Amino acid sequence: MKKTWFSIGQIVLTLIVVVIAGIVLWKMVNYYMFTPWTRDGRIRADIIQVAPDVSGLITEVDVVDNQQVKQGQTLFLIDQARYALALRQAEATVQQRRATLDQARREDVRNHQLGDLVAREVSEESRSRVETDEAALADSLVAVDTARLNLQRTRIVSPVDGYLNDRAPRTGEYAASGRAVVSVVDMHSFRVDGYFEETKLSGIDIGQAVDIKIMGEPAALRGHVASIVSAIEDRDRAEGSNLLPNVNPAFSWVRLAQRIPVRVALDDIPKDFRMIAGRTATVSVRGLAPSLGTHATGDRAAPGGAAASATAPASVASPASAGQSRPAAADQAASVQAAAVQTAPRAAAPAAMQPAASAAK
């Protein structure tokens, strides 16, 4: 008897262990294969490269490495002497051309006052000289504005609120026009990009809540799915020399799932959190998006909708009959009513025959 109970206990214990192992195995497979989460996440931010619009030696630097700056704050100055001289030269050219224009206008007025005493050709030449000098004066005014703008552009300012890179410019360096000298990390553009396997995209939608665990940080961040990328690069296909698709004919036996970037907007950032672009993050999508809740409710209400759809043909037919003539609509209504009358006696016939049958018995 004891051996029998011992054998039964062993069997029950074995079954319990197998069931627990199966549940644990299923949970692990479901978590690692289907649950939308990834360790391949990165903090990202917009990096603005600041390049001067004019060239010259850097004469003054007002910032240091990794400094936090405000939008419009001066970063460094380029030597202004050459551009100040160019502005003075342009202003002198304006004065010269304005004097020439005044002289041409006086001659034109005098020729018109003399009337027929001056040849018509001379009068036309004086008028043409006035118009030419006016155009030259306008051109010199544009040159003054350009020189003044170049002088203003020698002062380089921060385009956004953010942080400098780890090397600010140094005094005495030569800054070339259009070549980046310093970069600024936009402090208002921090977000997290999670690179999810394509097999897990079915559980991700815009607006879903996201838990973000930054490596080395004890507290988790909160966010929501902002966007999902629309295309990724196909590394097995390239463009040939004649612009035809060149597809790699050899594929590896193991086809790994592609990684799809999903952008996560941060909802709440603690004040003591050190936000650094490039840090590693674990991104876990949880909950349903607000839009998915309505879809789920609609799916659950499908049985009721099926019952309502039984009466749908009558309501659907009414808009169609609105476009028909009145006699046609009346005929259609009469036919429907006649069909209902024919159906009613057939349904009531069994009930009417029951008393007669009982009387016969």
Protein backbone atom coordinates (compact mmCIF):
# COMPACT_ATOMS: atom_id res chain seq x y z
CA MET A 1 0.00 0.00 0.00
CA LYS A 2 2.79 2.36 0.85
CA LYS A 3 4.56 1.55 -2.37
CA THR A 4 1.37 2.28 -4.31
CA TRP A 5 0.94 5.68 -2.69
CA PHE A 6 4.64 6.37 -3.20
CA SER A 7 4.35 5.54 -6.91
CA ILE A 8 1.26 7.73 -7.27
CA GLY A 9 3.08 10.58 -5.51
CA GLN A 10 6.03 10.23 -7.86
CA ILE A 11 3.74 10.33 -10.87
CA VAL A 12 1.84 13.37 -9.58
CA LEU A 13 5.08 15.17 -8.71
CA THR A 14 6.49 14.38 -12.15
CA LEU A 15 3.34 15.70 -13.82
CA ILE A 16 3.46 18.88 -11.74
CA VAL A 17 7.12 19.43 -12.63
CA VAL A 18 6.40 18.80 -16.32
CA VAL A 19 3.45 21.23 -16.30
CA ILE A 20 5.47 23.90 -14.51
CA ALA A 21 8.36 23.38 -16.92
CA GLY A 22 5.98 23.62 -19.88
CA ILE A 23 4.43 26.84 -18.55
CA VAL A 24 7.86 28.35 -17.91
CA LEU A 25 9.04 27.28 -21.36
CA TRP A 26 5.97 28.79 -22.99
CA LYS A 27 6.39 32.02 -21.06
CA MET A 28 10.03 32.25 -22.12
CA VAL A 29 9.25 31.50 -25.77
CA ASN A 30 6.39 34.00 -25.76
CA TYR A 31 8.55 36.65 -24.09
CA TYR A 32 11.62 36.25 -26.27
CA MET A 33 9.86 35.54 -29.57
CA PHE A 34 6.63 37.53 -29.59
CA THR A 35 6.64 40.18 -26.83
CA PRO A 36 7.58 43.59 -28.35
CA TRP A 37 10.79 44.48 -26.52
CA THR A 38 14.42 44.90 -27.50
CA ARG A 39 17.76 45.54 -25.88
CA ASP A 40 18.92 47.25 -29.05
CA GLY A 41 17.87 50.80 -28.23
CA ARG A 42 19.73 54.09 -28.32
CA ILE A 43 19.16 57.61 -27.05
CA ARG A 44 19.18 59.93 -30.05
CA ALA A 45 19.23 63.70 -30.50
CA ASP A 46 19.55 66.24 -33.30
CA ILE A 47 23.12 67.42 -33.83
CA ILE A 48 23.41 70.85 -35.47
CA GLN A 49 26.75 71.56 -37.09
CA VAL A 50 27.58 75.25 -36.84
CA ALA A 51 29.53 76.59 -39.81
CA PRO A 52 30.42 80.28 -40.31
CA ASP A 53 29.00 82.11 -43.30
CA VAL A 54 32.24 84.10 -43.72
CA SER A 55 35.89 83.10 -43.53
CA GLY A 56 38.59 84.49 -41.27
CA LEU A 57 40.68 84.03 -38.15
CA ILE A 58 38.88 83.36 -34.87
CA THR A 59 39.66 86.29 -32.60
CA GLU A 60 37.43 85.52 -29.59
CA VAL A 61 35.85 82.39 -28.11
CA ASP A 62 33.10 82.82 -25.50
CA VAL A 63 32.39 79.15 -24.71
CA VAL A 64 34.23 76.09 -23.44
CA ASP A 65 34.00 72.38 -24.19
CA ASN A 66 30.68 70.65 -23.35
CA GLN A 67 29.09 73.90 -22.20
CA GLN A 68 25.33 74.36 -22.13
CA VAL A 69 24.31 77.25 -24.37
CA LYS A 70 21.13 79.14 -25.15
CA GLN A 71 19.71 79.97 -28.54
CA GLY A 72 21.29 83.19 -29.84
CA GLN A 73 24.24 83.03 -27.42
CA THR A 74 27.59 84.07 -28.95
CA LEU A 75 29.94 81.16 -29.54
CA PHE A 76 32.94 82.87 -31.15
CA LEU A 77 33.93 85.87 -33.25
CA ILE A 78 35.74 86.02 -36.57
CA ASP A 79 38.18 88.83 -37.34
CA GLN A 80 36.01 91.83 -38.27
CA ALA A 81 38.66 94.20 -39.62
CA ARG A 82 38.46 93.07 -43.25
CA TYR A 83 34.67 93.13 -43.27
CA ALA A 84 34.52 96.54 -41.60
CA LEU A 85 36.80 97.89 -44.34
CA ALA A 86 34.61 96.30 -47.01
CA LEU A 87 31.58 98.05 -45.49
CA ARG A 88 33.34 101.42 -45.52
CA GLN A 89 34.37 100.91 -49.14
CA ALA A 90 30.80 100.05 -50.14
CA GLU A 91 29.48 103.17 -48.36
CA ALA A 92 32.07 105.32 -50.15
CA THR A 93 30.95 103.85 -53.48
CA VAL A 94 27.37 104.81 -52.63
CA GLN A 95 28.39 108.42 -51.99
CA GLN A 96 30.29 108.57 -55.27
CA ARG A 97 27.45 107.16 -57.33
CA ARG A 98 24.91 109.36 -55.61
CA ALA A 99 26.96 112.45 -56.58
CA THR A 100 27.19 111.21 -60.16
CA LEU A 101 23.43 110.70 -60.24
CA ASP A 102 22.77 114.19 -58.91
CA GLN A 103 24.95 115.69 -61.64
CA ALA A 104 23.18 113.64 -64.32
CA ARG A 105 19.79 114.75 -63.05
CA ARG A 106 20.81 118.44 -63.13
CA GLU A 107 21.99 118.09 -66.71
CA ASP A 108 18.76 116.33 -67.69
CA VAL A 109 16.65 119.07 -66.10
CA ARG A 110 18.67 121.80 -67.84
CA ASN A 111 18.31 120.12 -71.23
CA HIS A 112 14.53 119.90 -70.79
CA GLN A 113 14.35 123.57 -69.82
CA LEU A 114 16.28 124.65 -72.93
CA GLY A 115 13.73 122.86 -75.09
CA ASP A 116 14.48 123.06 -78.85
CA LEU A 117 17.87 124.68 -78.23
CA VAL A 118 19.24 121.23 -77.34
CA ALA A 119 19.29 118.44 -79.87
CA ARG A 120 16.86 115.60 -79.25
CA GLU A 121 19.69 113.08 -79.29
CA VAL A 122 21.52 114.95 -76.52
CA SER A 123 18.34 115.10 -74.43
CA GLU A 124 17.81 111.34 -74.78
CA GLU A 125 21.42 110.66 -73.83
CA SER A 126 21.08 112.75 -70.67
CA ARG A 127 17.93 110.88 -69.72
CA SER A 128 19.62 107.54 -70.33
CA ARG A 129 22.57 108.63 -68.20
CA VAL A 130 20.17 109.38 -65.32
CA GLU A 131 18.61 105.91 -65.52
CA THR A 132 22.03 104.25 -65.69
CA ASP A 133 23.26 106.14 -62.65
CA GLU A 134 20.09 105.23 -60.73
CA ALA A 135 20.72 101.55 -61.43
CA ALA A 136 24.35 101.90 -60.39
CA LEU A 137 23.30 103.57 -57.13
CA ALA A 138 20.83 100.76 -56.40
CA ASP A 139 23.58 98.22 -57.03
CA SER A 140 25.92 100.02 -54.64
CA LEU A 141 23.20 100.07 -51.97
CA VAL A 142 22.89 96.29 -52.28
CA ALA A 143 26.67 96.05 -51.88
CA VAL A 144 26.43 98.06 -48.65
CA ASP A 145 23.74 95.72 -47.30
CA THR A 146 25.85 92.70 -48.24
CA ALA A 147 28.93 94.14 -46.55
CA ARG A 148 26.93 94.95 -43.43
CA LEU A 149 25.48 91.43 -43.42
CA ASN A 150 28.96 89.90 -43.74
CA LEU A 151 30.10 92.02 -40.81
CA GLN A 152 27.17 90.78 -38.72
CA ARG A 153 27.90 87.17 -39.72
CA THR A 154 31.35 87.38 -38.11
CA ARG A 155 29.53 86.86 -34.82
CA ILE A 156 28.63 83.16 -34.64
CA VAL A 157 25.70 82.30 -32.35
CA SER A 158 24.08 79.08 -31.19
CA PRO A 159 21.08 78.12 -33.36
CA VAL A 160 19.31 76.14 -30.58
CA ASP A 161 19.33 75.47 -26.86
CA GLY A 162 21.72 72.65 -26.21
CA TYR A 163 25.20 71.46 -25.41
CA LEU A 164 28.48 71.98 -27.27
CA ASN A 165 30.55 69.07 -28.45
CA ASP A 166 33.71 68.08 -26.60
CA ARG A 167 35.93 70.54 -28.46
CA ALA A 168 35.11 74.20 -28.77
CA PRO A 169 37.09 76.30 -31.27
CA ARG A 170 40.34 77.94 -30.21
CA THR A 171 41.50 81.52 -30.67
CA GLY A 172 43.76 81.89 -33.70
CA GLU A 173 42.22 79.06 -35.71
CA TYR A 174 41.09 79.82 -39.26
CA ALA A 175 37.41 79.25 -39.92
CA ALA A 176 36.45 78.59 -43.53
CA SER A 177 33.06 79.58 -44.88
CA GLY A 178 30.64 76.66 -45.00
CA ARG A 179 32.89 74.34 -43.00
CA ALA A 180 31.60 73.19 -39.60
CA VAL A 181 33.63 74.42 -36.65
CA VAL A 182 31.51 73.30 -33.73
CA SER A 183 28.38 71.18 -33.20
CA VAL A 184 25.51 71.70 -30.79
CA VAL A 185 23.28 68.93 -29.39
CA ASP A 186 19.66 70.14 -29.39
CA MET A 187 18.49 69.59 -25.81
CA HIS A 188 14.82 69.59 -26.87
CA SER A 189 15.20 66.78 -29.40
CA PHE A 190 16.16 63.84 -27.19
CA ARG A 191 14.28 60.64 -27.95
CA VAL A 192 14.86 56.88 -27.97
CA ASP A 193 15.11 54.74 -31.07
CA GLY A 194 14.38 51.05 -30.54
CA TYR A 195 15.41 48.60 -33.26
CA PHE A 196 12.74 45.89 -33.09
CA GLU A 197 12.73 42.63 -34.97
CA GLU A 198 10.18 42.56 -37.75
CA THR A 199 8.46 39.56 -36.13
CA LYS A 200 7.44 41.78 -33.19
CA LEU A 201 5.94 44.68 -35.13
CA SER A 202 2.42 43.24 -34.88
CA GLY A 203 2.35 44.22 -31.20
CA ILE A 204 3.46 47.81 -31.78
CA ASP A 205 1.27 50.74 -32.77
CA ILE A 206 1.44 54.52 -32.59
CA GLY A 207 0.65 55.85 -29.13
CA GLN A 208 1.42 52.72 -27.10
CA ALA A 209 3.08 53.23 -23.74
CA VAL A 210 6.75 52.30 -23.52
CA ASP A 211 9.08 51.48 -20.63
CA ILE A 212 12.71 52.50 -21.19
CA LYS A 213 15.55 51.16 -19.09
CA ILE A 214 18.84 53.00 -19.65
CA MET A 215 21.95 50.99 -18.97
CA GLY A 216 23.51 52.09 -15.68
CA GLU A 217 20.41 53.96 -14.47
CA PRO A 218 18.28 52.56 -11.62
CA ALA A 219 15.02 54.25 -12.62
CA ALA A 220 13.07 53.55 -15.78
CA LEU A 221 11.83 56.24 -18.14
CA ARG A 222 8.35 56.49 -19.61
CA GLY A 223 7.46 57.25 -23.19
CA HIS A 224 5.16 56.41 -26.07
CA VAL A 225 5.58 55.21 -29.64
CA ALA A 226 5.85 58.28 -31.85
CA SER A 227 6.52 56.74 -35.27
CA ILE A 228 7.61 53.61 -37.10
CA VAL A 229 10.01 53.86 -40.00
CA SER A 230 8.52 53.30 -43.47
CA ALA A 231 11.56 51.78 -45.20
CA ILE A 232 14.93 50.20 -44.48
CA GLU A 233 17.90 49.45 -46.71
CA ASP A 234 17.91 46.19 -48.69
CA ARG A 235 21.50 44.97 -48.47
CA ASP A 236 20.87 42.10 -50.89
CA ARG A 237 20.01 44.47 -53.74
CA ALA A 238 22.02 47.20 -55.44
CA GLU A 239 21.81 49.31 -58.57
CA GLY A 240 23.86 48.11 -61.51
CA SER A 241 25.86 50.29 -63.87
CA ASN A 242 22.90 50.41 -66.28
CA LEU A 243 20.45 51.26 -63.44
CA LEU A 244 18.98 47.74 -63.38
CA PRO A 245 18.44 45.92 -60.06
CA ASN A 246 21.40 43.77 -59.07
CA VAL A 247 20.14 41.13 -56.61
CA ASN A 248 22.58 38.96 -54.69
CA PRO A 249 21.93 35.35 -55.84
CA ALA A 250 23.50 33.77 -52.73
CA PHE A 251 21.66 33.92 -49.42
CA SER A 252 22.72 32.54 -46.08
CA TRP A 253 20.85 29.50 -44.78
CA VAL A 254 19.80 31.30 -41.63
CA ARG A 255 17.66 34.34 -42.38
CA LEU A 256 17.63 36.68 -39.40
CA ALA A 257 14.72 39.01 -38.81
CA GLN A 258 15.30 42.55 -40.01
CA ARG A 259 15.59 45.34 -37.46
CA ILE A 260 12.96 48.07 -37.81
CA PRO A 261 13.60 51.45 -36.12
CA VAL A 262 10.75 52.59 -33.88
CA ARG A 263 10.93 56.13 -32.50
CA VAL A 264 9.85 56.64 -28.89
CA ALA A 265 9.05 60.08 -27.53
CA LEU A 266 9.95 60.66 -23.88
CA ASP A 267 7.04 61.68 -21.64
CA ASP A 268 8.78 62.41 -18.35
CA ILE A 269 12.50 62.88 -17.73
CA PRO A 270 13.73 63.13 -14.12
CA LYS A 271 15.68 66.27 -13.31
CA ASP A 272 18.69 64.32 -12.10
CA PHE A 273 18.81 62.09 -15.18
CA ARG A 274 21.89 62.54 -17.35
CA MET A 275 20.68 62.58 -20.93
CA ILE A 276 23.50 61.62 -23.31
CA ALA A 277 22.89 60.77 -26.95
CA GLY A 278 24.18 57.32 -27.82
CA ARG A 279 23.49 55.59 -24.49
CA THR A 280 22.16 52.03 -24.62
CA ALA A 281 18.52 51.42 -23.73
CA THR A 282 16.16 48.49 -23.33
CA VAL A 283 12.77 49.36 -24.83
CA SER A 284 9.62 47.47 -23.82
CA VAL A 285 6.23 48.26 -25.36
CA ARG A 286 3.31 47.75 -23.03
CA GLY A 287 -0.44 48.32 -23.14
CA LEU A 288 -2.57 49.21 -26.12
CA ALA A 289 -2.68 52.40 -28.09
CA PRO A 290 -5.75 54.61 -27.55
CA SER A 291 -6.91 53.85 -31.09
CA LEU A 292 -6.63 50.09 -30.52
CA GLY A 293 -9.07 50.23 -27.60
CA THR A 294 -11.93 51.29 -29.88
CA HIS A 295 -11.08 48.55 -32.36
CA ALA A 296 -11.10 45.94 -29.60
CA THR A 297 -14.47 47.17 -28.38
CA GLY A 298 -15.85 46.97 -31.91
CA ASP A 299 -14.60 43.40 -32.27
CA ARG A 300 -16.25 42.38 -29.02
CA ALA A 301 -19.53 43.93 -30.14
CA ALA A 302 -19.47 41.90 -33.36
CA PRO A 303 -22.27 39.47 -32.31
CA GLY A 304 -24.63 42.35 -31.66
CA GLY A 305 -23.59 43.86 -34.93
CA ALA A 306 -24.42 40.60 -36.69
CA ALA A 307 -27.95 40.70 -35.25
CA ALA A 308 -28.34 44.27 -36.36
CA SER A 309 -27.11 43.40 -39.82
CA ALA A 310 -30.14 41.15 -40.30
CA THR A 311 -32.28 44.24 -40.69
CA ALA A 312 -29.64 46.06 -42.72
CA PRO A 313 -31.08 45.28 -46.20
CA ALA A 314 -34.29 47.25 -45.48
CA SER A 315 -32.37 50.29 -44.27
CA VAL A 316 -29.82 50.00 -47.05
CA ALA A 317 -32.51 49.74 -49.68
CA SER A 318 -34.16 52.98 -48.57
CA PRO A 319 -31.40 55.29 -49.89
CA ALA A 320 -31.47 53.44 -53.19
CA SER A 321 -35.23 53.83 -53.44
CA ALA A 322 -34.85 57.56 -52.85
CA GLY A 323 -33.40 57.89 -56.32
CA GLN A 324 -36.32 55.97 -57.91
CA SER A 325 -39.60 57.40 -59.07
CA ARG A 326 -42.56 57.39 -56.70
CA PRO A 327 -44.52 54.65 -58.56
CA ALA A 328 -41.48 52.36 -58.56
CA ALA A 329 -40.95 52.93 -54.85
CA ALA A 330 -44.64 52.24 -54.18
CA ASP A 331 -44.51 49.00 -56.19
CA GLN A 332 -41.43 47.89 -54.27
CA ALA A 333 -43.13 48.63 -50.92
CA ALA A 334 -46.26 46.75 -52.02
CA SER A 335 -44.23 43.68 -53.02
CA VAL A 336 -42.45 43.68 -49.66
CA GLN A 337 -45.79 43.93 -47.84
CA ALA A 338 -47.29 41.10 -49.93
CA ALA A 339 -44.30 38.88 -49.14
CA ALA A 340 -44.80 39.58 -45.43
CA VAL A 341 -48.51 38.66 -45.70
CA GLN A 342 -47.67 35.39 -47.46
CA THR A 343 -45.12 34.51 -44.82
CA ALA A 344 -47.41 35.29 -41.87
CA PRO A 345 -50.15 32.66 -42.59
CA ARG A 346 -47.52 29.96 -43.08
CA ALA A 347 -46.03 30.78 -39.71
CA ALA A 348 -49.44 30.89 -38.02
CA ALA A 349 -50.79 27.74 -39.66
CA PRO A 350 -49.24 25.22 -37.21
CA ALA A 351 -50.59 27.14 -34.24
CA ALA A 352 -54.12 27.20 -35.76
CA MET A 353 -54.07 23.48 -36.53
CA GLN A 354 -53.24 22.43 -32.98
CA PRO A 355 -56.80 22.94 -31.51
CA ALA A 356 -58.34 21.00 -34.45
CA ALA A 357 -55.98 18.10 -33.92
CA SER A 358 -56.77 17.95 -30.23
CA ALA A 359 -60.52 17.96 -31.02
CA ALA A 360 -60.10 15.08 -33.46
CA LYS A 361 -58.39 13.09 -30.74
